[in-house]
Amino acid sequence: MKRLLVVAAALAALTFAQTAGAATTCPAWPIVVNVYQSIANDAELGALGNVWARSGYTRLLRVVRSGNWYCAYANSSGTFKTLEGPSPAGTGWVSDGVTGTVVSHWSTNTFYGRFRPLLPTSGYIGVFDGSVDWKSLFFSDTTAVGPVYWAWGYNGGTNGLYVKRHDSVTGTSGDITGGSGS
């Protein structure tokens, strides 16, 4: 029970972080991209490197700029549906078809780039497959883009909660297991 409460608290903190915004990890530069997009069929990777679910979500993406230097951050929320196989944390098995909600939040380091947007830089920009890299939509070239912060939280209802984060202190916690036929 204590473990479930810790995971629930982590998921609540992640949800709160979304509303607070990830801008604190990026400099207070002018926003040059402020879009939201629908992401479909994104592969959710587990601790064992397995695709344990497919997700669909809405992502708010912002990019700030100073000269040719940029920083990006995003918040998203949506749903997932599991694929039969090892659970996300690798502690058990999950059946095909378990559904739940997902929230995420990430920000990049400051990076150098050539800003060449292929789409509008504000408003809704459409539906994209999970494999489409956001950088290709707004830059013709970037150097050394990497995550500074990232966290994903999955709520599988009675099948469990799973949180994965960038740091080794809180890292990954919980799991989503079971389902029909387990």
C-alpha atoms as a PDB file:
ATOM      1  CA  MET A   1       0.000   0.000   0.000  1.00  0.00           C
ATOM      2  CA  LYS A   2       2.849   2.383   0.881  1.00  0.00           C
ATOM      3  CA  ARG A   3       4.439   1.784  -2.552  1.00  0.00           C
ATOM      4  CA  LEU A   4       1.148   2.598  -4.281  1.00  0.00           C
ATOM      5  CA  LEU A   5       0.838   5.842  -2.297  1.00  0.00           C
ATOM      6  CA  VAL A   6       4.414   6.862  -3.256  1.00  0.00           C
ATOM      7  CA  VAL A   7       3.707   6.200  -6.940  1.00  0.00           C
ATOM      8  CA  ALA A   8       0.370   8.052  -6.735  1.00  0.00           C
ATOM      9  CA  ALA A   9       2.144  11.035  -5.170  1.00  0.00           C
ATOM     10  CA  ALA A  10       4.770  10.997  -7.935  1.00  0.00           C
ATOM     11  CA  LEU A  11       2.045  10.893 -10.594  1.00  0.00           C
ATOM     12  CA  ALA A  12       0.243  13.796  -8.905  1.00  0.00           C
ATOM     13  CA  ALA A  13       3.496  15.777  -8.794  1.00  0.00           C
ATOM     14  CA  LEU A  14       4.035  15.121 -12.490  1.00  0.00           C
ATOM     15  CA  THR A  15       0.517  16.333 -13.274  1.00  0.00           C
ATOM     16  CA  PHE A  16       1.153  19.466 -11.205  1.00  0.00           C
ATOM     17  CA  ALA A  17       4.462  20.024 -13.034  1.00  0.00           C
ATOM     18  CA  GLN A  18       2.518  20.119 -16.287  1.00  0.00           C
ATOM     19  CA  THR A  19       0.374  22.979 -15.103  1.00  0.00           C
ATOM     20  CA  ALA A  20       3.371  24.788 -13.640  1.00  0.00           C
ATOM     21  CA  GLY A  21       5.206  24.514 -16.976  1.00  0.00           C
ATOM     22  CA  ALA A  22       8.683  23.390 -17.916  1.00  0.00           C
ATOM     23  CA  ALA A  23       9.841  26.888 -18.815  1.00  0.00           C
ATOM     24  CA  THR A  24      11.959  27.092 -15.671  1.00  0.00           C
ATOM     25  CA  THR A  25      14.587  24.846 -17.298  1.00  0.00           C
ATOM     26  CA  CYS A  26      14.788  27.092 -20.388  1.00  0.00           C
ATOM     27  CA  PRO A  27      16.050  30.689 -20.376  1.00  0.00           C
ATOM     28  CA  ALA A  28      13.451  33.476 -20.339  1.00  0.00           C
ATOM     29  CA  TRP A  29      13.898  34.190 -24.049  1.00  0.00           C
ATOM     30  CA  PRO A  30      11.130  35.134 -26.495  1.00  0.00           C
ATOM     31  CA  ILE A  31       8.865  32.266 -27.554  1.00  0.00           C
ATOM     32  CA  VAL A  32       9.205  31.525 -31.299  1.00  0.00           C
ATOM     33  CA  VAL A  33       7.161  28.297 -31.384  1.00  0.00           C
ATOM     34  CA  ASN A  34       3.945  27.902 -29.397  1.00  0.00           C
ATOM     35  CA  VAL A  35       2.013  25.021 -30.949  1.00  0.00           C
ATOM     36  CA  TYR A  36      -0.067  22.075 -29.963  1.00  0.00           C
ATOM     37  CA  GLN A  37      -0.293  18.869 -31.913  1.00  0.00           C
ATOM     38  CA  SER A  38      -1.925  15.469 -31.727  1.00  0.00           C
ATOM     39  CA  ILE A  39       0.452  12.518 -31.549  1.00  0.00           C
ATOM     40  CA  ALA A  40      -0.862   9.105 -32.612  1.00  0.00           C
ATOM     41  CA  ASN A  41       0.585   5.617 -32.292  1.00  0.00           C
ATOM     42  CA  ASP A  42       3.594   6.545 -30.151  1.00  0.00           C
ATOM     43  CA  ALA A  43       5.579   3.535 -28.953  1.00  0.00           C
ATOM     44  CA  GLU A  44       5.955   3.429 -25.165  1.00  0.00           C
ATOM     45  CA  LEU A  45       9.214   1.734 -24.214  1.00  0.00           C
ATOM     46  CA  GLY A  46       9.600  -0.301 -21.046  1.00  0.00           C
ATOM     47  CA  ALA A  47      12.578  -0.853 -18.783  1.00  0.00           C
ATOM     48  CA  LEU A  48      13.524  -3.953 -20.796  1.00  0.00           C
ATOM     49  CA  GLY A  49      13.489  -2.010 -24.093  1.00  0.00           C
ATOM     50  CA  ASN A  50      10.146  -3.551 -25.079  1.00  0.00           C
ATOM     51  CA  VAL A  51       7.204  -1.665 -26.583  1.00  0.00           C
ATOM     52  CA  TRP A  52       4.608  -2.277 -23.889  1.00  0.00           C
ATOM     53  CA  ALA A  53       1.923   0.138 -25.138  1.00  0.00           C
ATOM     54  CA  ARG A  54       0.892   2.533 -27.882  1.00  0.00           C
ATOM     55  CA  SER A  55      -0.240   6.010 -26.896  1.00  0.00           C
ATOM     56  CA  GLY A  56      -2.060   8.984 -28.345  1.00  0.00           C
ATOM     57  CA  TYR A  57      -1.856  12.410 -26.789  1.00  0.00           C
ATOM     58  CA  THR A  58      -1.981  16.156 -27.277  1.00  0.00           C
ATOM     59  CA  ARG A  59       1.355  17.930 -26.868  1.00  0.00           C
ATOM     60  CA  LEU A  60       1.918  21.619 -26.194  1.00  0.00           C
ATOM     61  CA  LEU A  61       5.369  22.492 -27.557  1.00  0.00           C
ATOM     62  CA  ARG A  62       7.188  25.752 -26.980  1.00  0.00           C
ATOM     63  CA  VAL A  63      10.578  26.849 -28.285  1.00  0.00           C
ATOM     64  CA  VAL A  64      12.402  29.937 -27.036  1.00  0.00           C
ATOM     65  CA  ARG A  65      15.180  31.741 -28.924  1.00  0.00           C
ATOM     66  CA  SER A  66      18.133  34.082 -28.525  1.00  0.00           C
ATOM     67  CA  GLY A  67      19.997  34.580 -31.813  1.00  0.00           C
ATOM     68  CA  ASN A  68      20.666  31.064 -33.116  1.00  0.00           C
ATOM     69  CA  TRP A  69      20.372  29.505 -29.655  1.00  0.00           C
ATOM     70  CA  TYR A  70      17.171  27.707 -28.640  1.00  0.00           C
ATOM     71  CA  CYS A  71      15.568  25.725 -25.859  1.00  0.00           C
ATOM     72  CA  ALA A  72      12.369  23.642 -26.095  1.00  0.00           C
ATOM     73  CA  TYR A  73       9.852  22.317 -23.593  1.00  0.00           C
ATOM     74  CA  ALA A  74       6.616  20.373 -23.829  1.00  0.00           C
ATOM     75  CA  ASN A  75       3.695  19.078 -21.797  1.00  0.00           C
ATOM     76  CA  SER A  76       1.338  16.385 -22.998  1.00  0.00           C
ATOM     77  CA  SER A  77      -1.614  14.311 -21.881  1.00  0.00           C
ATOM     78  CA  GLY A  78      -3.574  11.496 -23.465  1.00  0.00           C
ATOM     79  CA  THR A  79      -4.228   7.770 -23.320  1.00  0.00           C
ATOM     80  CA  PHE A  80      -2.409   4.478 -23.809  1.00  0.00           C
ATOM     81  CA  LYS A  81      -3.369   0.898 -24.686  1.00  0.00           C
ATOM     82  CA  THR A  82      -1.101  -1.992 -23.738  1.00  0.00           C
ATOM     83  CA  LEU A  83       0.351  -4.718 -25.920  1.00  0.00           C
ATOM     84  CA  GLU A  84       0.682  -8.200 -24.430  1.00  0.00           C
ATOM     85  CA  GLY A  85       4.121  -8.831 -23.018  1.00  0.00           C
ATOM     86  CA  PRO A  86       6.497  -7.745 -20.281  1.00  0.00           C
ATOM     87  CA  SER A  87       5.148  -4.939 -18.097  1.00  0.00           C
ATOM     88  CA  PRO A  88       6.656  -1.432 -18.394  1.00  0.00           C
ATOM     89  CA  ALA A  89       8.920  -1.836 -15.346  1.00  0.00           C
ATOM     90  CA  GLY A  90       9.652  -5.457 -16.240  1.00  0.00           C
ATOM     91  CA  THR A  91       8.359  -6.874 -12.959  1.00  0.00           C
ATOM     92  CA  GLY A  92       5.541  -8.913 -14.503  1.00  0.00           C
ATOM     93  CA  TRP A  93       3.262  -9.372 -17.489  1.00  0.00           C
ATOM     94  CA  VAL A  94       0.564  -7.145 -18.942  1.00  0.00           C
ATOM     95  CA  SER A  95      -2.304  -8.285 -21.152  1.00  0.00           C
ATOM     96  CA  ASP A  96      -3.241  -6.767 -24.481  1.00  0.00           C
ATOM     97  CA  GLY A  97      -5.795  -3.977 -24.258  1.00  0.00           C
ATOM     98  CA  VAL A  98      -5.307  -2.472 -20.791  1.00  0.00           C
ATOM     99  CA  THR A  99      -6.103   1.233 -21.168  1.00  0.00           C
ATOM    100  CA  GLY A 100      -5.195   4.246 -19.117  1.00  0.00           C
ATOM    101  CA  THR A 101      -3.991   7.823 -19.125  1.00  0.00           C
ATOM    102  CA  VAL A 102      -0.536   9.259 -19.695  1.00  0.00           C
ATOM    103  CA  VAL A 103       0.964  12.663 -18.885  1.00  0.00           C
ATOM    104  CA  SER A 104       4.463  13.830 -19.732  1.00  0.00           C
ATOM    105  CA  HIS A 105       6.700  16.818 -19.396  1.00  0.00           C
ATOM    106  CA  TRP A 106      10.180  17.462 -20.837  1.00  0.00           C
ATOM    107  CA  SER A 107      12.643  20.201 -21.657  1.00  0.00           C
ATOM    108  CA  THR A 108      15.883  20.350 -23.630  1.00  0.00           C
ATOM    109  CA  ASN A 109      19.267  21.843 -23.075  1.00  0.00           C
ATOM    110  CA  THR A 110      20.131  25.112 -24.818  1.00  0.00           C
ATOM    111  CA  PHE A 111      21.095  24.156 -28.373  1.00  0.00           C
ATOM    112  CA  TYR A 112      22.287  25.772 -31.602  1.00  0.00           C
ATOM    113  CA  GLY A 113      20.019  25.545 -34.616  1.00  0.00           C
ATOM    114  CA  ARG A 114      18.879  26.883 -37.965  1.00  0.00           C
ATOM    115  CA  PHE A 115      15.248  27.900 -37.590  1.00  0.00           C
ATOM    116  CA  ARG A 116      13.372  26.849 -40.744  1.00  0.00           C
ATOM    117  CA  PRO A 117       9.762  26.126 -39.764  1.00  0.00           C
ATOM    118  CA  LEU A 118       7.824  23.905 -42.173  1.00  0.00           C
ATOM    119  CA  LEU A 119       4.564  24.579 -40.326  1.00  0.00           C
ATOM    120  CA  PRO A 120       2.886  27.486 -38.555  1.00  0.00           C
ATOM    121  CA  THR A 121       4.684  28.448 -35.347  1.00  0.00           C
ATOM    122  CA  SER A 122       1.520  28.998 -33.315  1.00  0.00           C
ATOM    123  CA  GLY A 123      -1.806  27.245 -32.878  1.00  0.00           C
ATOM    124  CA  TYR A 124      -2.817  23.695 -33.787  1.00  0.00           C
ATOM    125  CA  ILE A 125      -0.518  22.055 -36.353  1.00  0.00           C
ATOM    126  CA  GLY A 126      -2.257  18.691 -36.890  1.00  0.00           C
ATOM    127  CA  VAL A 127      -1.883  14.971 -36.217  1.00  0.00           C
ATOM    128  CA  PHE A 128       1.544  13.321 -36.340  1.00  0.00           C
ATOM    129  CA  ASP A 129       2.755   9.762 -36.011  1.00  0.00           C
ATOM    130  CA  GLY A 130       4.725   9.140 -32.832  1.00  0.00           C
ATOM    131  CA  SER A 131       7.897   8.549 -34.862  1.00  0.00           C
ATOM    132  CA  VAL A 132       8.015  12.147 -36.218  1.00  0.00           C
ATOM    133  CA  ASP A 133      10.810  14.149 -34.570  1.00  0.00           C
ATOM    134  CA  TRP A 134       9.575  17.618 -33.554  1.00  0.00           C
ATOM    135  CA  LYS A 135      12.936  19.186 -34.501  1.00  0.00           C
ATOM    136  CA  SER A 136      12.435  18.289 -38.184  1.00  0.00           C
ATOM    137  CA  LEU A 137       9.251  20.408 -38.217  1.00  0.00           C
ATOM    138  CA  PHE A 138      11.003  23.641 -37.189  1.00  0.00           C
ATOM    139  CA  PHE A 139      14.747  23.303 -37.845  1.00  0.00           C
ATOM    140  CA  SER A 140      16.883  22.425 -40.859  1.00  0.00           C
ATOM    141  CA  ASP A 141      19.840  21.724 -38.579  1.00  0.00           C
ATOM    142  CA  THR A 142      20.471  21.433 -34.843  1.00  0.00           C
ATOM    143  CA  THR A 143      23.532  20.697 -32.772  1.00  0.00           C
ATOM    144  CA  ALA A 144      23.641  18.660 -29.568  1.00  0.00           C
ATOM    145  CA  VAL A 145      19.951  18.726 -28.596  1.00  0.00           C
ATOM    146  CA  GLY A 146      19.369  16.655 -25.501  1.00  0.00           C
ATOM    147  CA  PRO A 147      16.953  16.355 -22.619  1.00  0.00           C
ATOM    148  CA  VAL A 148      17.623  18.214 -19.387  1.00  0.00           C
ATOM    149  CA  TYR A 149      14.436  17.021 -17.725  1.00  0.00           C
ATOM    150  CA  TRP A 150      11.807  14.448 -18.645  1.00  0.00           C
ATOM    151  CA  ALA A 151       9.076  12.545 -16.856  1.00  0.00           C
ATOM    152  CA  TRP A 152       6.184  10.339 -17.918  1.00  0.00           C
ATOM    153  CA  GLY A 153       3.347   9.130 -15.715  1.00  0.00           C
ATOM    154  CA  TYR A 154       0.942   6.320 -16.625  1.00  0.00           C
ATOM    155  CA  ASN A 155      -2.261   5.519 -14.744  1.00  0.00           C
ATOM    156  CA  GLY A 156      -3.538   2.034 -15.523  1.00  0.00           C
ATOM    157  CA  GLY A 157      -6.354   2.164 -12.963  1.00  0.00           C
ATOM    158  CA  THR A 158      -6.623  -1.143 -11.089  1.00  0.00           C
ATOM    159  CA  ASN A 159      -3.647  -2.453 -13.097  1.00  0.00           C
ATOM    160  CA  GLY A 160      -1.272   0.024 -11.480  1.00  0.00           C
ATOM    161  CA  LEU A 161       0.644   3.254 -11.850  1.00  0.00           C
ATOM    162  CA  TYR A 162       4.016   3.652 -13.567  1.00  0.00           C
ATOM    163  CA  VAL A 163       6.261   6.724 -13.459  1.00  0.00           C
ATOM    164  CA  LYS A 164       9.575   7.099 -15.275  1.00  0.00           C
ATOM    165  CA  ARG A 165      11.837  10.105 -14.776  1.00  0.00           C
ATOM    166  CA  HIS A 166      15.237  11.294 -15.878  1.00  0.00           C
ATOM    167  CA  ASP A 167      16.972  11.226 -12.526  1.00  0.00           C
ATOM    168  CA  SER A 168      18.464   8.410 -10.507  1.00  0.00           C
ATOM    169  CA  VAL A 169      16.950   9.661  -7.245  1.00  0.00           C
ATOM    170  CA  THR A 170      13.285   9.148  -8.103  1.00  0.00           C
ATOM    171  CA  GLY A 171      13.814   7.321 -11.416  1.00  0.00           C
ATOM    172  CA  THR A 172      11.261   4.690 -12.304  1.00  0.00           C
ATOM    173  CA  SER A 173       8.594   3.614  -9.846  1.00  0.00           C
ATOM    174  CA  GLY A 174       5.547   1.379  -9.905  1.00  0.00           C
ATOM    175  CA  ASP A 175       4.369  -0.856 -12.736  1.00  0.00           C
ATOM    176  CA  ILE A 176       1.281  -1.720 -14.755  1.00  0.00           C
ATOM    177  CA  THR A 177       0.558  -5.448 -14.754  1.00  0.00           C
ATOM    178  CA  GLY A 178      -2.262  -7.882 -15.274  1.00  0.00           C
ATOM    179  CA  GLY A 179      -5.399  -7.291 -17.240  1.00  0.00           C
ATOM    180  CA  SER A 180      -7.846  -9.728 -18.795  1.00  0.00           C
ATOM    181  CA  GLY A 181      -6.471 -13.209 -19.244  1.00  0.00           C
ATOM    182  CA  SER A 182      -3.509 -12.707 -16.878  1.00  0.00           C
END
